[in-house]
Amino acid sequence: MANPPQRRECRSSIEKGFRKSKHDLQARPVYHHTRESIEAHLTIVFAALAVSHWIEHQTSWSIKKFVRTARRYRTVQIKAGGQILTAADPLPDDLNEALTKISSRIEH
């Protein structure tokens, strides 16, 4: 069993994660009525927190910075006749580097 200072630190870390999920990930209150839907929602929330923590650790960026930077870029594919045309804005160097750090960790 953890001593009180360790418990406070752990609780503080969990509360920080929930604040982050509400603010940076733009989570909003969701009202569930069954145990199954509550558990499913909490599973998704904890998975999102784990992924955002992992991205922060790999890139040294806050999740807020990562989301705000990455959401501006899209790739569009247009089918014209028998061809598929792909249009995309070039990524800035810092975002490209962050994505490389993330993808290189996944491949190993």
N, C-alpha and C. Protein backbone atom coordinates (compact mmCIF):
# COMPACT_ATOMS: atom_id res chain seq x y z
N MET A 1 0.85 -1.18 0.00
CA MET A 1 0.00 0.00 0.00
C MET A 1 0.90 1.25 0.00
N ALA A 2 0.55 2.21 -0.85
CA ALA A 2 1.35 3.43 -0.98
C ALA A 2 1.13 4.33 0.22
N ASN A 3 2.17 5.07 0.57
CA ASN A 3 2.02 6.00 1.68
C ASN A 3 1.25 7.25 1.19
N PRO A 4 0.73 8.06 2.10
CA PRO A 4 -0.11 9.21 1.71
C PRO A 4 0.52 10.17 0.70
N PRO A 5 1.81 10.56 0.81
CA PRO A 5 2.35 11.45 -0.22
C PRO A 5 2.35 10.81 -1.62
N GLN A 6 2.62 9.50 -1.68
CA GLN A 6 2.59 8.81 -2.98
C GLN A 6 1.17 8.76 -3.53
N ARG A 7 0.19 8.55 -2.67
CA ARG A 7 -1.20 8.54 -3.10
C ARG A 7 -1.61 9.89 -3.66
N ARG A 8 -1.21 10.96 -2.95
CA ARG A 8 -1.56 12.30 -3.43
C ARG A 8 -0.93 12.56 -4.79
N GLU A 9 0.32 12.15 -4.96
CA GLU A 9 1.01 12.34 -6.23
C GLU A 9 0.31 11.57 -7.35
N CYS A 10 -0.08 10.34 -7.06
CA CYS A 10 -0.76 9.51 -8.04
C CYS A 10 -2.12 10.12 -8.39
N ARG A 11 -2.87 10.54 -7.37
CA ARG A 11 -4.18 11.16 -7.61
C ARG A 11 -4.03 12.45 -8.39
N SER A 12 -3.01 13.22 -8.06
CA SER A 12 -2.75 14.47 -8.77
C SER A 12 -2.47 14.20 -10.24
N SER A 13 -1.71 13.15 -10.52
CA SER A 13 -1.40 12.79 -11.91
C SER A 13 -2.66 12.38 -12.66
N ILE A 14 -3.52 11.61 -12.03
CA ILE A 14 -4.78 11.19 -12.65
C ILE A 14 -5.67 12.39 -12.91
N GLU A 15 -5.78 13.29 -11.92
CA GLU A 15 -6.62 14.48 -12.09
C GLU A 15 -6.08 15.36 -13.22
N LYS A 16 -4.76 15.47 -13.32
CA LYS A 16 -4.16 16.25 -14.40
C LYS A 16 -4.52 15.64 -15.75
N GLY A 17 -4.49 14.32 -15.82
CA GLY A 17 -4.87 13.64 -17.05
C GLY A 17 -6.30 13.93 -17.45
N PHE A 18 -7.22 13.93 -16.48
CA PHE A 18 -8.61 14.23 -16.80
C PHE A 18 -8.78 15.69 -17.21
N ARG A 19 -8.07 16.59 -16.55
CA ARG A 19 -8.15 18.00 -16.97
C ARG A 19 -7.66 18.14 -18.40
N LYS A 20 -6.56 17.44 -18.70
CA LYS A 20 -6.00 17.49 -20.05
C LYS A 20 -7.01 16.94 -21.05
N SER A 21 -7.65 15.83 -20.72
CA SER A 21 -8.59 15.24 -21.67
C SER A 21 -9.77 16.17 -21.90
N LYS A 22 -10.22 16.85 -20.87
CA LYS A 22 -11.35 17.76 -21.04
C LYS A 22 -10.97 18.98 -21.86
N HIS A 23 -9.78 19.50 -21.66
CA HIS A 23 -9.39 20.74 -22.31
C HIS A 23 -8.71 20.49 -23.66
N ASP A 24 -7.57 19.83 -23.65
CA ASP A 24 -6.77 19.67 -24.87
C ASP A 24 -7.45 18.76 -25.89
N LEU A 25 -8.11 17.73 -25.43
CA LEU A 25 -8.77 16.81 -26.35
C LEU A 25 -10.22 17.23 -26.61
N GLN A 26 -10.65 18.32 -26.03
CA GLN A 26 -11.98 18.88 -26.19
C GLN A 26 -13.07 17.88 -25.85
N ALA A 27 -12.87 17.14 -24.77
CA ALA A 27 -13.89 16.19 -24.31
C ALA A 27 -15.01 16.96 -23.62
N ARG A 28 -16.19 16.47 -23.76
CA ARG A 28 -17.35 17.09 -23.15
C ARG A 28 -18.09 16.05 -22.31
N PRO A 29 -18.90 16.49 -21.37
CA PRO A 29 -19.64 15.52 -20.55
C PRO A 29 -20.52 14.62 -21.41
N VAL A 30 -20.54 13.36 -21.06
CA VAL A 30 -21.40 12.39 -21.72
C VAL A 30 -22.16 11.68 -20.62
N TYR A 31 -23.44 11.54 -20.80
CA TYR A 31 -24.27 10.93 -19.77
C TYR A 31 -24.67 9.53 -20.22
N HIS A 32 -24.25 8.54 -19.44
CA HIS A 32 -24.56 7.14 -19.74
C HIS A 32 -25.50 6.62 -18.68
N HIS A 33 -26.28 5.62 -19.07
CA HIS A 33 -27.28 5.09 -18.14
C HIS A 33 -27.07 3.63 -17.80
N THR A 34 -26.22 2.94 -18.55
CA THR A 34 -25.98 1.53 -18.24
C THR A 34 -24.51 1.33 -17.89
N ARG A 35 -24.28 0.32 -17.10
CA ARG A 35 -22.91 0.02 -16.68
C ARG A 35 -22.02 -0.26 -17.89
N GLU A 36 -22.56 -0.97 -18.86
CA GLU A 36 -21.79 -1.31 -20.06
C GLU A 36 -21.34 -0.06 -20.82
N SER A 37 -22.22 0.90 -20.99
CA SER A 37 -21.85 2.11 -21.73
C SER A 37 -20.88 2.97 -20.92
N ILE A 38 -21.01 2.98 -19.60
CA ILE A 38 -20.07 3.72 -18.74
C ILE A 38 -18.68 3.10 -18.86
N GLU A 39 -18.61 1.78 -18.76
CA GLU A 39 -17.31 1.11 -18.87
C GLU A 39 -16.69 1.30 -20.25
N ALA A 40 -17.51 1.25 -21.29
CA ALA A 40 -17.00 1.47 -22.65
C ALA A 40 -16.44 2.89 -22.78
N HIS A 41 -17.17 3.86 -22.25
CA HIS A 41 -16.72 5.26 -22.31
C HIS A 41 -15.40 5.45 -21.56
N LEU A 42 -15.32 4.90 -20.36
CA LEU A 42 -14.08 5.02 -19.58
C LEU A 42 -12.91 4.33 -20.28
N THR A 43 -13.16 3.23 -20.94
CA THR A 43 -12.10 2.54 -21.68
C THR A 43 -11.57 3.44 -22.79
N ILE A 44 -12.47 4.10 -23.51
CA ILE A 44 -12.06 5.00 -24.59
C ILE A 44 -11.28 6.19 -24.03
N VAL A 45 -11.77 6.75 -22.93
CA VAL A 45 -11.10 7.91 -22.31
C VAL A 45 -9.68 7.53 -21.86
N PHE A 46 -9.55 6.40 -21.19
CA PHE A 46 -8.22 6.00 -20.72
C PHE A 46 -7.30 5.65 -21.88
N ALA A 47 -7.84 5.07 -22.95
CA ALA A 47 -7.02 4.79 -24.13
C ALA A 47 -6.53 6.11 -24.75
N ALA A 48 -7.42 7.11 -24.84
CA ALA A 48 -7.02 8.41 -25.39
C ALA A 48 -5.95 9.06 -24.52
N LEU A 49 -6.09 8.95 -23.20
CA LEU A 49 -5.07 9.51 -22.31
C LEU A 49 -3.74 8.80 -22.49
N ALA A 50 -3.78 7.47 -22.64
CA ALA A 50 -2.55 6.71 -22.82
C ALA A 50 -1.87 7.09 -24.13
N VAL A 51 -2.64 7.21 -25.20
CA VAL A 51 -2.08 7.58 -26.50
C VAL A 51 -1.51 8.99 -26.45
N SER A 52 -2.25 9.92 -25.83
CA SER A 52 -1.75 11.30 -25.77
C SER A 52 -0.48 11.38 -24.93
N HIS A 53 -0.42 10.63 -23.84
CA HIS A 53 0.79 10.60 -23.01
C HIS A 53 1.96 10.03 -23.82
N TRP A 54 1.70 8.97 -24.59
CA TRP A 54 2.75 8.35 -25.40
C TRP A 54 3.25 9.32 -26.46
N ILE A 55 2.33 10.04 -27.13
CA ILE A 55 2.73 11.02 -28.14
C ILE A 55 3.59 12.12 -27.50
N GLU A 56 3.17 12.60 -26.34
CA GLU A 56 3.95 13.63 -25.65
C GLU A 56 5.35 13.12 -25.32
N HIS A 57 5.43 11.89 -24.87
CA HIS A 57 6.73 11.31 -24.49
C HIS A 57 7.62 11.13 -25.71
N GLN A 58 7.06 10.67 -26.83
CA GLN A 58 7.86 10.42 -28.03
C GLN A 58 8.32 11.70 -28.71
N THR A 59 7.47 12.73 -28.69
CA THR A 59 7.75 13.94 -29.47
C THR A 59 8.28 15.10 -28.65
N SER A 60 8.11 15.04 -27.34
CA SER A 60 8.42 16.16 -26.43
C SER A 60 7.52 17.37 -26.71
N TRP A 61 6.40 17.16 -27.36
CA TRP A 61 5.39 18.19 -27.59
C TRP A 61 4.24 17.96 -26.63
N SER A 62 3.54 19.02 -26.27
CA SER A 62 2.30 18.83 -25.53
C SER A 62 1.26 18.28 -26.51
N ILE A 63 0.28 17.57 -25.99
CA ILE A 63 -0.75 17.03 -26.88
C ILE A 63 -1.53 18.18 -27.52
N LYS A 64 -1.66 19.28 -26.80
CA LYS A 64 -2.35 20.45 -27.34
C LYS A 64 -1.63 20.96 -28.59
N LYS A 65 -0.30 21.09 -28.50
CA LYS A 65 0.48 21.56 -29.64
C LYS A 65 0.39 20.57 -30.79
N PHE A 66 0.49 19.29 -30.48
CA PHE A 66 0.45 18.26 -31.53
C PHE A 66 -0.89 18.29 -32.27
N VAL A 67 -1.99 18.32 -31.53
CA VAL A 67 -3.32 18.31 -32.15
C VAL A 67 -3.54 19.58 -32.97
N ARG A 68 -3.21 20.73 -32.40
CA ARG A 68 -3.41 21.98 -33.12
C ARG A 68 -2.56 22.07 -34.39
N THR A 69 -1.36 21.54 -34.34
CA THR A 69 -0.49 21.58 -35.51
C THR A 69 -0.93 20.57 -36.56
N ALA A 70 -1.21 19.34 -36.15
CA ALA A 70 -1.52 18.28 -37.10
C ALA A 70 -2.90 18.43 -37.74
N ARG A 71 -3.86 19.00 -37.03
CA ARG A 71 -5.22 19.04 -37.58
C ARG A 71 -5.34 19.94 -38.81
N ARG A 72 -4.39 20.81 -39.03
CA ARG A 72 -4.45 21.70 -40.19
C ARG A 72 -4.15 21.02 -41.52
N TYR A 73 -3.58 19.81 -41.44
CA TYR A 73 -3.09 19.15 -42.66
C TYR A 73 -3.97 17.96 -43.01
N ARG A 74 -4.37 17.93 -44.27
CA ARG A 74 -5.22 16.86 -44.78
C ARG A 74 -4.65 16.38 -46.12
N THR A 75 -4.98 15.15 -46.45
CA THR A 75 -4.69 14.62 -47.77
C THR A 75 -6.02 14.30 -48.43
N VAL A 76 -6.16 14.71 -49.66
CA VAL A 76 -7.40 14.49 -50.39
C VAL A 76 -7.09 13.64 -51.61
N GLN A 77 -7.91 12.60 -51.82
CA GLN A 77 -7.77 11.79 -53.03
C GLN A 77 -9.01 12.00 -53.89
N ILE A 78 -8.78 12.28 -55.17
CA ILE A 78 -9.86 12.52 -56.11
C ILE A 78 -9.74 11.50 -57.24
N LYS A 79 -10.84 10.79 -57.48
CA LYS A 79 -10.84 9.82 -58.58
C LYS A 79 -11.38 10.53 -59.81
N ALA A 80 -10.55 10.58 -60.83
CA ALA A 80 -10.92 11.23 -62.09
C ALA A 80 -10.70 10.22 -63.21
N GLY A 81 -11.79 9.71 -63.75
CA GLY A 81 -11.65 8.67 -64.77
C GLY A 81 -11.05 7.43 -64.13
N GLY A 82 -9.98 6.95 -64.70
CA GLY A 82 -9.31 5.77 -64.15
C GLY A 82 -8.14 6.10 -63.25
N GLN A 83 -7.93 7.38 -62.97
CA GLN A 83 -6.78 7.79 -62.16
C GLN A 83 -7.23 8.33 -60.81
N ILE A 84 -6.35 8.19 -59.84
CA ILE A 84 -6.58 8.77 -58.53
C ILE A 84 -5.53 9.86 -58.32
N LEU A 85 -6.00 11.08 -58.11
CA LEU A 85 -5.11 12.22 -57.87
C LEU A 85 -5.07 12.47 -56.37
N THR A 86 -3.88 12.68 -55.85
CA THR A 86 -3.70 12.96 -54.43
C THR A 86 -3.19 14.38 -54.27
N ALA A 87 -3.86 15.13 -53.42
CA ALA A 87 -3.44 16.51 -53.13
C ALA A 87 -3.22 16.64 -51.63
N ALA A 88 -2.10 17.23 -51.27
CA ALA A 88 -1.78 17.42 -49.85
C ALA A 88 -0.87 18.63 -49.69
N ASP A 89 -1.08 19.36 -48.61
CA ASP A 89 -0.16 20.44 -48.27
C ASP A 89 1.11 19.81 -47.71
N PRO A 90 2.28 20.35 -48.04
CA PRO A 90 3.51 19.81 -47.44
C PRO A 90 3.52 20.08 -45.94
N LEU A 91 4.01 19.11 -45.19
CA LEU A 91 4.09 19.26 -43.73
C LEU A 91 5.28 20.10 -43.36
N PRO A 92 5.15 20.94 -42.31
CA PRO A 92 6.31 21.69 -41.83
C PRO A 92 7.34 20.71 -41.24
N ASP A 93 8.58 21.12 -41.23
CA ASP A 93 9.66 20.25 -40.76
C ASP A 93 9.45 19.74 -39.34
N ASP A 94 8.98 20.60 -38.43
CA ASP A 94 8.83 20.16 -37.04
C ASP A 94 7.75 19.09 -36.90
N LEU A 95 6.63 19.22 -37.63
CA LEU A 95 5.58 18.21 -37.59
C LEU A 95 6.05 16.93 -38.25
N ASN A 96 6.75 17.04 -39.35
CA ASN A 96 7.29 15.86 -40.02
C ASN A 96 8.23 15.09 -39.10
N GLU A 97 9.06 15.82 -38.37
CA GLU A 97 9.99 15.20 -37.42
C GLU A 97 9.23 14.50 -36.29
N ALA A 98 8.18 15.15 -35.77
CA ALA A 98 7.38 14.55 -34.71
C ALA A 98 6.70 13.27 -35.20
N LEU A 99 6.15 13.30 -36.40
CA LEU A 99 5.50 12.11 -36.95
C LEU A 99 6.50 10.99 -37.20
N THR A 100 7.70 11.35 -37.59
CA THR A 100 8.75 10.34 -37.79
C THR A 100 9.10 9.67 -36.46
N LYS A 101 9.19 10.45 -35.39
CA LYS A 101 9.48 9.89 -34.07
C LYS A 101 8.40 8.92 -33.65
N ILE A 102 7.14 9.28 -33.92
CA ILE A 102 6.03 8.41 -33.54
C ILE A 102 6.04 7.14 -34.38
N SER A 103 6.15 7.27 -35.70
CA SER A 103 6.06 6.10 -36.57
C SER A 103 7.26 5.17 -36.41
N SER A 104 8.44 5.72 -36.11
CA SER A 104 9.61 4.85 -35.94
C SER A 104 9.47 3.99 -34.69
N ARG A 105 8.78 4.48 -33.68
CA ARG A 105 8.57 3.70 -32.45
C ARG A 105 7.53 2.62 -32.68
N ILE A 106 6.57 2.86 -33.54
CA ILE A 106 5.51 1.87 -33.80
C ILE A 106 6.05 0.69 -34.60
N GLU A 107 6.93 0.96 -35.54
CA GLU A 107 7.45 -0.08 -36.42
C GLU A 107 8.34 -1.08 -35.70
N HIS A 108 8.92 -0.70 -34.59
CA HIS A 108 9.85 -1.61 -33.90
C HIS A 108 9.16 -2.52 -32.97
